């Protein structure tokens, strides 16, 4: 998915975990996933480098669709879709 396609993607839930270190962003994502329905998209904001590995692995393990990561000014935006 391109950056342009992501900009038009409807974000159903945004989790701002920029103030936490590993495993905080993953734990925040695990908590928030229960608040969205199958097919909906969640965005995770994190400044922790480990999140770039943790979220895709978690998505694979749970059967969720990992969409993409984008680097922003000092943090990452990770996108996933609940199955």
PDB file of N, CA and C in Angstrom:
ATOM      1  N   UNK A   1       0.855  -1.168   0.000  1.00  0.00           N
ATOM      2  CA  UNK A   1       0.000   0.000   0.000  1.00  0.00           C
ATOM      3  C   UNK A   1       0.903   1.235   0.000  1.00  0.00           C
ATOM      4  N   UNK A   2       0.612   2.154  -0.890  1.00  0.00           N
ATOM      5  CA  UNK A   2       1.421   3.369  -0.993  1.00  0.00           C
ATOM      6  C   UNK A   2       1.031   4.379   0.090  1.00  0.00           C
ATOM      7  N   UNK A   3       1.876   5.376   0.276  1.00  0.00           N
ATOM      8  CA  UNK A   3       1.592   6.427   1.250  1.00  0.00           C
ATOM      9  C   UNK A   3       0.308   7.159   0.871  1.00  0.00           C
ATOM     10  N   UNK A   4       0.095   7.354  -0.416  1.00  0.00           N
ATOM     11  CA  UNK A   4      -1.128   8.027  -0.885  1.00  0.00           C
ATOM     12  C   UNK A   4      -2.363   7.207  -0.568  1.00  0.00           C
ATOM     13  N   UNK A   5      -2.273   5.887  -0.762  1.00  0.00           N
ATOM     14  CA  UNK A   5      -3.402   5.006  -0.441  1.00  0.00           C
ATOM     15  C   UNK A   5      -3.674   5.004   1.059  1.00  0.00           C
ATOM     16  N   UNK A   6      -2.612   5.038   1.858  1.00  0.00           N
ATOM     17  CA  UNK A   6      -2.791   5.097   3.309  1.00  0.00           C
ATOM     18  C   UNK A   6      -3.488   6.374   3.744  1.00  0.00           C
ATOM     19  N   UNK A   7      -3.189   7.472   3.072  1.00  0.00           N
ATOM     20  CA  UNK A   7      -3.796   8.744   3.460  1.00  0.00           C
ATOM     21  C   UNK A   7      -5.305   8.741   3.242  1.00  0.00           C
ATOM     22  N   UNK A   8      -5.791   7.890   2.351  1.00  0.00           N
ATOM     23  CA  UNK A   8      -7.231   7.814   2.117  1.00  0.00           C
ATOM     24  C   UNK A   8      -7.889   6.680   2.902  1.00  0.00           C
ATOM     25  N   UNK A   9      -7.088   5.921   3.632  1.00  0.00           N
ATOM     26  CA  UNK A   9      -7.593   4.807   4.432  1.00  0.00           C
ATOM     27  C   UNK A   9      -8.327   5.333   5.663  1.00  0.00           C
ATOM     28  N   UNK A  10      -9.494   4.772   5.947  1.00  0.00           N
ATOM     29  CA  UNK A  10     -10.252   5.170   7.130  1.00  0.00           C
ATOM     30  C   UNK A  10      -9.650   4.492   8.346  1.00  0.00           C
ATOM     31  N   UNK A  11      -9.193   5.299   9.300  1.00  0.00           N
ATOM     32  CA  UNK A  11      -8.625   4.782  10.544  1.00  0.00           C
ATOM     33  C   UNK A  11      -9.755   4.705  11.566  1.00  0.00           C
ATOM     34  N   UNK A  12     -10.033   3.508  12.033  1.00  0.00           N
ATOM     35  CA  UNK A  12     -11.127   3.310  12.985  1.00  0.00           C
ATOM     36  C   UNK A  12     -10.687   3.485  14.437  1.00  0.00           C
ATOM     37  N   UNK A  13      -9.401   3.254  14.694  1.00  0.00           N
ATOM     38  CA  UNK A  13      -8.877   3.386  16.054  1.00  0.00           C
ATOM     39  C   UNK A  13      -7.419   3.809  15.959  1.00  0.00           C
ATOM     40  N   UNK A  14      -7.053   4.833  16.714  1.00  0.00           N
ATOM     41  CA  UNK A  14      -5.664   5.270  16.768  1.00  0.00           C
ATOM     42  C   UNK A  14      -5.167   5.095  18.199  1.00  0.00           C
ATOM     43  N   UNK A  15      -4.007   4.469  18.333  1.00  0.00           N
ATOM     44  CA  UNK A  15      -3.402   4.207  19.637  1.00  0.00           C
ATOM     45  C   UNK A  15      -2.094   4.995  19.701  1.00  0.00           C
ATOM     46  N   UNK A  16      -2.030   5.976  20.580  1.00  0.00           N
ATOM     47  CA  UNK A  16      -0.831   6.783  20.724  1.00  0.00           C
ATOM     48  C   UNK A  16       0.007   6.231  21.877  1.00  0.00           C
ATOM     49  N   UNK A  17       1.044   5.466  21.516  1.00  0.00           N
ATOM     50  CA  UNK A  17       1.917   4.855  22.516  1.00  0.00           C
ATOM     51  C   UNK A  17       3.321   5.450  22.439  1.00  0.00           C
ATOM     52  N   UNK A  18       3.417   6.687  21.963  1.00  0.00           N
ATOM     53  CA  UNK A  18       4.727   7.315  21.796  1.00  0.00           C
ATOM     54  C   UNK A  18       5.451   7.548  23.112  1.00  0.00           C
ATOM     55  N   UNK A  19       4.756   7.620  24.217  1.00  0.00           N
ATOM     56  CA  UNK A  19       5.383   7.868  25.499  1.00  0.00           C
ATOM     57  C   UNK A  19       5.807   6.612  26.233  1.00  0.00           C
ATOM     58  N   UNK A  20       5.684   5.450  25.596  1.00  0.00           N
ATOM     59  CA  UNK A  20       6.016   4.195  26.264  1.00  0.00           C
ATOM     60  C   UNK A  20       7.143   3.476  25.538  1.00  0.00           C
ATOM     61  N   UNK A  21       7.882   2.676  26.284  1.00  0.00           N
ATOM     62  CA  UNK A  21       8.945   1.855  25.706  1.00  0.00           C
ATOM     63  C   UNK A  21       8.462   0.412  25.620  1.00  0.00           C
ATOM     64  N   UNK A  22       9.167  -0.386  24.867  1.00  0.00           N
ATOM     65  CA  UNK A  22       8.839  -1.789  24.686  1.00  0.00           C
ATOM     66  C   UNK A  22       8.695  -2.469  26.053  1.00  0.00           C
ATOM     67  N   UNK A  23       7.645  -3.203  26.287  1.00  0.00           N
ATOM     68  CA  UNK A  23       6.589  -3.674  25.400  1.00  0.00           C
ATOM     69  C   UNK A  23       5.325  -2.809  25.426  1.00  0.00           C
ATOM     70  N   UNK A  24       5.409  -1.595  25.925  1.00  0.00           N
ATOM     71  CA  UNK A  24       4.238  -0.726  26.059  1.00  0.00           C
ATOM     72  C   UNK A  24       3.389  -0.559  24.811  1.00  0.00           C
ATOM     73  N   UNK A  25       3.998  -0.248  23.642  1.00  0.00           N
ATOM     74  CA  UNK A  25       3.176  -0.086  22.436  1.00  0.00           C
ATOM     75  C   UNK A  25       2.410  -1.354  22.056  1.00  0.00           C
ATOM     76  N   UNK A  26       3.055  -2.501  22.197  1.00  0.00           N
ATOM     77  CA  UNK A  26       2.370  -3.764  21.881  1.00  0.00           C
ATOM     78  C   UNK A  26       1.237  -4.017  22.857  1.00  0.00           C
ATOM     79  N   UNK A  27       1.469  -3.778  24.134  1.00  0.00           N
ATOM     80  CA  UNK A  27       0.414  -3.975  25.131  1.00  0.00           C
ATOM     81  C   UNK A  27      -0.763  -3.031  24.877  1.00  0.00           C
ATOM     82  N   UNK A  28      -0.474  -1.792  24.495  1.00  0.00           N
ATOM     83  CA  UNK A  28      -1.538  -0.832  24.181  1.00  0.00           C
ATOM     84  C   UNK A  28      -2.340  -1.291  22.967  1.00  0.00           C
ATOM     85  N   UNK A  29      -1.650  -1.834  21.968  1.00  0.00           N
ATOM     86  CA  UNK A  29      -2.334  -2.344  20.773  1.00  0.00           C
ATOM     87  C   UNK A  29      -3.211  -3.543  21.116  1.00  0.00           C
ATOM     88  N   UNK A  30      -2.695  -4.433  21.950  1.00  0.00           N
ATOM     89  CA  UNK A  30      -3.473  -5.613  22.351  1.00  0.00           C
ATOM     90  C   UNK A  30      -4.741  -5.204  23.093  1.00  0.00           C
ATOM     91  N   UNK A  31      -4.642  -4.195  23.917  1.00  0.00           N
ATOM     92  CA  UNK A  31      -5.813  -3.713  24.652  1.00  0.00           C
ATOM     93  C   UNK A  31      -6.821  -3.065  23.697  1.00  0.00           C
ATOM     94  N   UNK A  32      -6.325  -2.256  22.773  1.00  0.00           N
ATOM     95  CA  UNK A  32      -7.204  -1.500  21.871  1.00  0.00           C
ATOM     96  C   UNK A  32      -7.867  -2.354  20.800  1.00  0.00           C
ATOM     97  N   UNK A  33      -7.269  -3.488  20.443  1.00  0.00           N
ATOM     98  CA  UNK A  33      -7.829  -4.309  19.366  1.00  0.00           C
ATOM     99  C   UNK A  33      -9.233  -4.797  19.708  1.00  0.00           C
ATOM    100  N   UNK A  34      -9.528  -4.930  20.973  1.00  0.00           N
ATOM    101  CA  UNK A  34     -10.860  -5.353  21.392  1.00  0.00           C
ATOM    102  C   UNK A  34     -11.928  -4.296  21.183  1.00  0.00           C
ATOM    103  N   UNK A  35     -11.517  -3.076  20.898  1.00  0.00           N
ATOM    104  CA  UNK A  35     -12.453  -1.974  20.702  1.00  0.00           C
ATOM    105  C   UNK A  35     -12.872  -1.786  19.252  1.00  0.00           C
ATOM    106  N   UNK A  36     -12.295  -2.586  18.342  1.00  0.00           N
ATOM    107  CA  UNK A  36     -12.684  -2.466  16.938  1.00  0.00           C
ATOM    108  C   UNK A  36     -13.242  -3.797  16.433  1.00  0.00           C
ATOM    109  N   UNK A  37     -13.965  -3.719  15.331  1.00  0.00           N
ATOM    110  CA  UNK A  37     -14.595  -4.888  14.721  1.00  0.00           C
ATOM    111  C   UNK A  37     -13.697  -5.460  13.623  1.00  0.00           C
ATOM    112  N   UNK A  38     -13.987  -6.679  13.211  1.00  0.00           N
ATOM    113  CA  UNK A  38     -13.283  -7.290  12.092  1.00  0.00           C
ATOM    114  C   UNK A  38     -13.401  -6.422  10.848  1.00  0.00           C
ATOM    115  N   UNK A  39     -12.301  -6.261  10.132  1.00  0.00           N
ATOM    116  CA  UNK A  39     -12.273  -5.443   8.921  1.00  0.00           C
ATOM    117  C   UNK A  39     -11.900  -3.993   9.178  1.00  0.00           C
ATOM    118  N   UNK A  40     -11.906  -3.582  10.442  1.00  0.00           N
ATOM    119  CA  UNK A  40     -11.559  -2.202  10.751  1.00  0.00           C
ATOM    120  C   UNK A  40     -10.043  -2.049  10.887  1.00  0.00           C
ATOM    121  N   UNK A  41      -9.586  -0.805  10.720  1.00  0.00           N
ATOM    122  CA  UNK A  41      -8.161  -0.494  10.697  1.00  0.00           C
ATOM    123  C   UNK A  41      -7.748   0.227  11.969  1.00  0.00           C
ATOM    124  N   UNK A  42      -6.592  -0.193  12.509  1.00  0.00           N
ATOM    125  CA  UNK A  42      -6.030   0.460  13.675  1.00  0.00           C
ATOM    126  C   UNK A  42      -4.657   1.023  13.320  1.00  0.00           C
ATOM    127  N   UNK A  43      -4.398   2.208  13.833  1.00  0.00           N
ATOM    128  CA  UNK A  43      -3.107   2.874  13.662  1.00  0.00           C
ATOM    129  C   UNK A  43      -2.420   2.895  15.025  1.00  0.00           C
ATOM    130  N   UNK A  44      -1.153   2.506  15.064  1.00  0.00           N
ATOM    131  CA  UNK A  44      -0.387   2.540  16.305  1.00  0.00           C
ATOM    132  C   UNK A  44       0.754   3.531  16.120  1.00  0.00           C
ATOM    133  N   UNK A  45       0.842   4.518  17.008  1.00  0.00           N
ATOM    134  CA  UNK A  45       1.918   5.500  16.979  1.00  0.00           C
ATOM    135  C   UNK A  45       2.921   5.124  18.057  1.00  0.00           C
ATOM    136  N   UNK A  46       4.188   5.017  17.678  1.00  0.00           N
ATOM    137  CA  UNK A  46       5.208   4.599  18.632  1.00  0.00           C
ATOM    138  C   UNK A  46       6.560   5.200  18.262  1.00  0.00           C
ATOM    139  N   UNK A  47       7.321   5.573  19.279  1.00  0.00           N
ATOM    140  CA  UNK A  47       8.685   6.054  19.077  1.00  0.00           C
ATOM    141  C   UNK A  47       9.700   4.949  19.371  1.00  0.00           C
ATOM    142  N   UNK A  48       9.226   3.786  19.807  1.00  0.00           N
ATOM    143  CA  UNK A  48      10.099   2.675  20.167  1.00  0.00           C
ATOM    144  C   UNK A  48      10.415   1.824  18.937  1.00  0.00           C
ATOM    145  N   UNK A  49      11.695   1.667  18.641  1.00  0.00           N
ATOM    146  CA  UNK A  49      12.146   0.908  17.468  1.00  0.00           C
ATOM    147  C   UNK A  49      11.635  -0.536  17.483  1.00  0.00           C
ATOM    148  N   UNK A  50      11.533  -1.147  18.660  1.00  0.00           N
ATOM    149  CA  UNK A  50      11.082  -2.527  18.759  1.00  0.00           C
ATOM    150  C   UNK A  50       9.671  -2.754  18.251  1.00  0.00           C
ATOM    151  N   UNK A  51       8.873  -1.709  18.241  1.00  0.00           N
ATOM    152  CA  UNK A  51       7.486  -1.823  17.768  1.00  0.00           C
ATOM    153  C   UNK A  51       7.445  -2.232  16.298  1.00  0.00           C
ATOM    154  N   UNK A  52       8.452  -1.836  15.546  1.00  0.00           N
ATOM    155  CA  UNK A  52       8.508  -2.191  14.117  1.00  0.00           C
ATOM    156  C   UNK A  52       8.588  -3.699  13.916  1.00  0.00           C
ATOM    157  N   UNK A  53       9.121  -4.411  14.884  1.00  0.00           N
ATOM    158  CA  UNK A  53       9.185  -5.883  14.823  1.00  0.00           C
ATOM    159  C   UNK A  53       7.988  -6.518  15.513  1.00  0.00           C
ATOM    160  N   UNK A  54       7.631  -5.961  16.663  1.00  0.00           N
ATOM    161  CA  UNK A  54       6.603  -6.577  17.511  1.00  0.00           C
ATOM    162  C   UNK A  54       5.221  -6.601  16.867  1.00  0.00           C
ATOM    163  N   UNK A  55       4.796  -5.491  16.299  1.00  0.00           N
ATOM    164  CA  UNK A  55       3.434  -5.422  15.733  1.00  0.00           C
ATOM    165  C   UNK A  55       3.261  -6.376  14.550  1.00  0.00           C
ATOM    166  N   UNK A  56       4.188  -6.416  13.569  1.00  0.00           N
ATOM    167  CA  UNK A  56       3.999  -7.392  12.479  1.00  0.00           C
ATOM    168  C   UNK A  56       3.977  -8.842  12.964  1.00  0.00           C
ATOM    169  N   UNK A  57       4.843  -9.183  13.937  1.00  0.00           N
ATOM    170  CA  UNK A  57       4.846 -10.548  14.467  1.00  0.00           C
ATOM    171  C   UNK A  57       3.528 -10.874  15.151  1.00  0.00           C
ATOM    172  N   UNK A  58       3.022  -9.934  15.930  1.00  0.00           N
ATOM    173  CA  UNK A  58       1.750 -10.122  16.623  1.00  0.00           C
ATOM    174  C   UNK A  58       0.618 -10.303  15.610  1.00  0.00           C
ATOM    175  N   UNK A  59       0.619  -9.481  14.562  1.00  0.00           N
ATOM    176  CA  UNK A  59      -0.420  -9.597  13.526  1.00  0.00           C
ATOM    177  C   UNK A  59      -0.397 -10.987  12.886  1.00  0.00           C
ATOM    178  N   UNK A  60       0.791 -11.456  12.562  1.00  0.00           N
ATOM    179  CA  UNK A  60       0.921 -12.789  11.960  1.00  0.00           C
ATOM    180  C   UNK A  60       0.398 -13.861  12.910  1.00  0.00           C
ATOM    181  N   UNK A  61       0.782 -13.766  14.156  1.00  0.00           N
ATOM    182  CA  UNK A  61       0.367 -14.753  15.163  1.00  0.00           C
ATOM    183  C   UNK A  61      -1.149 -14.783  15.339  1.00  0.00           C
ATOM    184  N   UNK A  62      -1.792 -13.607  15.320  1.00  0.00           N
ATOM    185  CA  UNK A  62      -3.232 -13.512  15.558  1.00  0.00           C
ATOM    186  C   UNK A  62      -4.079 -13.589  14.292  1.00  0.00           C
ATOM    187  N   UNK A  63      -3.443 -13.567  13.119  1.00  0.00           N
ATOM    188  CA  UNK A  63      -4.193 -13.629  11.871  1.00  0.00           C
ATOM    189  C   UNK A  63      -4.713 -12.273  11.406  1.00  0.00           C
ATOM    190  N   UNK A  64      -4.148 -11.192  11.927  1.00  0.00           N
ATOM    191  CA  UNK A  64      -4.526  -9.850  11.500  1.00  0.00           C
ATOM    192  C   UNK A  64      -3.684  -9.456  10.286  1.00  0.00           C
ATOM    193  N   UNK A  65      -4.176  -8.507   9.529  1.00  0.00           N
ATOM    194  CA  UNK A  65      -3.436  -8.023   8.366  1.00  0.00           C
ATOM    195  C   UNK A  65      -2.543  -6.858   8.776  1.00  0.00           C
ATOM    196  N   UNK A  66      -1.244  -7.050   8.657  1.00  0.00           N
ATOM    197  CA  UNK A  66      -0.306  -5.952   8.878  1.00  0.00           C
ATOM    198  C   UNK A  66      -0.219  -5.195   7.566  1.00  0.00           C
ATOM    199  N   UNK A  67      -0.525  -3.907   7.583  1.00  0.00           N
ATOM    200  CA  UNK A  67      -0.587  -3.137   6.347  1.00  0.00           C
ATOM    201  C   UNK A  67       0.750  -2.491   6.012  1.00  0.00           C
ATOM    202  N   UNK A  68       1.269  -1.653   6.931  1.00  0.00           N
ATOM    203  CA  UNK A  68       2.500  -0.934   6.612  1.00  0.00           C
ATOM    204  C   UNK A  68       2.943  -0.086   7.792  1.00  0.00           C
ATOM    205  N   UNK A  69       4.223   0.299   7.767  1.00  0.00           N
ATOM    206  CA  UNK A  69       4.759   1.260   8.727  1.00  0.00           C
ATOM    207  C   UNK A  69       5.261   2.472   7.945  1.00  0.00           C
ATOM    208  N   UNK A  70       5.051   3.640   8.510  1.00  0.00           N
ATOM    209  CA  UNK A  70       5.562   4.884   7.943  1.00  0.00           C
ATOM    210  C   UNK A  70       6.353   5.591   9.036  1.00  0.00           C
ATOM    211  N   UNK A  71       7.548   6.058   8.683  1.00  0.00           N
ATOM    212  CA  UNK A  71       8.330   6.844   9.629  1.00  0.00           C
ATOM    213  C   UNK A  71       7.900   8.297   9.525  1.00  0.00           C
ATOM    214  N   UNK A  72       7.669   8.910  10.676  1.00  0.00           N
ATOM    215  CA  UNK A  72       7.311  10.316  10.737  1.00  0.00           C
ATOM    216  C   UNK A  72       8.402  11.020  11.537  1.00  0.00           C
ATOM    217  N   UNK A  73       8.158  12.207  11.984  1.00  0.00           N
ATOM    218  CA  UNK A  73       9.142  13.005  12.712  1.00  0.00           C
ATOM    219  C   UNK A  73       9.432  12.408  14.085  1.00  0.00           C
ATOM    220  N   UNK A  74      10.373  11.474  14.150  1.00  0.00           N
ATOM    221  CA  UNK A  74      10.779  10.891  15.416  1.00  0.00           C
ATOM    222  C   UNK A  74       9.909   9.762  15.934  1.00  0.00           C
ATOM    223  N   UNK A  75       8.971   9.299  15.143  1.00  0.00           N
ATOM    224  CA  UNK A  75       8.140   8.165  15.570  1.00  0.00           C
ATOM    225  C   UNK A  75       7.637   7.397  14.357  1.00  0.00           C
ATOM    226  N   UNK A  76       6.983   6.284  14.616  1.00  0.00           N
ATOM    227  CA  UNK A  76       6.462   5.406  13.571  1.00  0.00           C
ATOM    228  C   UNK A  76       4.940   5.373  13.626  1.00  0.00           C
ATOM    229  N   UNK A  77       4.334   5.216  12.460  1.00  0.00           N
ATOM    230  CA  UNK A  77       2.895   4.978  12.349  1.00  0.00           C
ATOM    231  C   UNK A  77       2.754   3.588  11.732  1.00  0.00           C
ATOM    232  N   UNK A  78       2.179   2.675  12.483  1.00  0.00           N
ATOM    233  CA  UNK A  78       1.978   1.313  11.998  1.00  0.00           C
ATOM    234  C   UNK A  78       0.486   1.090  11.782  1.00  0.00           C
ATOM    235  N   UNK A  79       0.150   0.428  10.686  1.00  0.00           N
ATOM    236  CA  UNK A  79      -1.241   0.215  10.316  1.00  0.00           C
ATOM    237  C   UNK A  79      -1.536  -1.270  10.220  1.00  0.00           C
ATOM    238  N   UNK A  80      -2.680  -1.667  10.767  1.00  0.00           N
ATOM    239  CA  UNK A  80      -3.102  -3.061  10.725  1.00  0.00           C
ATOM    240  C   UNK A  80      -4.631  -3.131  10.601  1.00  0.00           C
ATOM    241  N   UNK A  81      -5.097  -4.264  10.086  1.00  0.00           N
ATOM    242  CA  UNK A  81      -6.544  -4.484   9.952  1.00  0.00           C
ATOM    243  C   UNK A  81      -6.908  -5.740  10.740  1.00  0.00           C
ATOM    244  N   UNK A  82      -7.923  -5.606  11.579  1.00  0.00           N
ATOM    245  CA  UNK A  82      -8.401  -6.747  12.352  1.00  0.00           C
ATOM    246  C   UNK A  82      -9.168  -7.682  11.425  1.00  0.00           C
ATOM    247  N   UNK A  83      -8.936  -8.970  11.570  1.00  0.00           N
ATOM    248  CA  UNK A  83      -9.638  -9.938  10.704  1.00  0.00           C
ATOM    249  C   UNK A  83     -10.909 -10.429  11.368  1.00  0.00           C
TER     250      UNK A  83
END
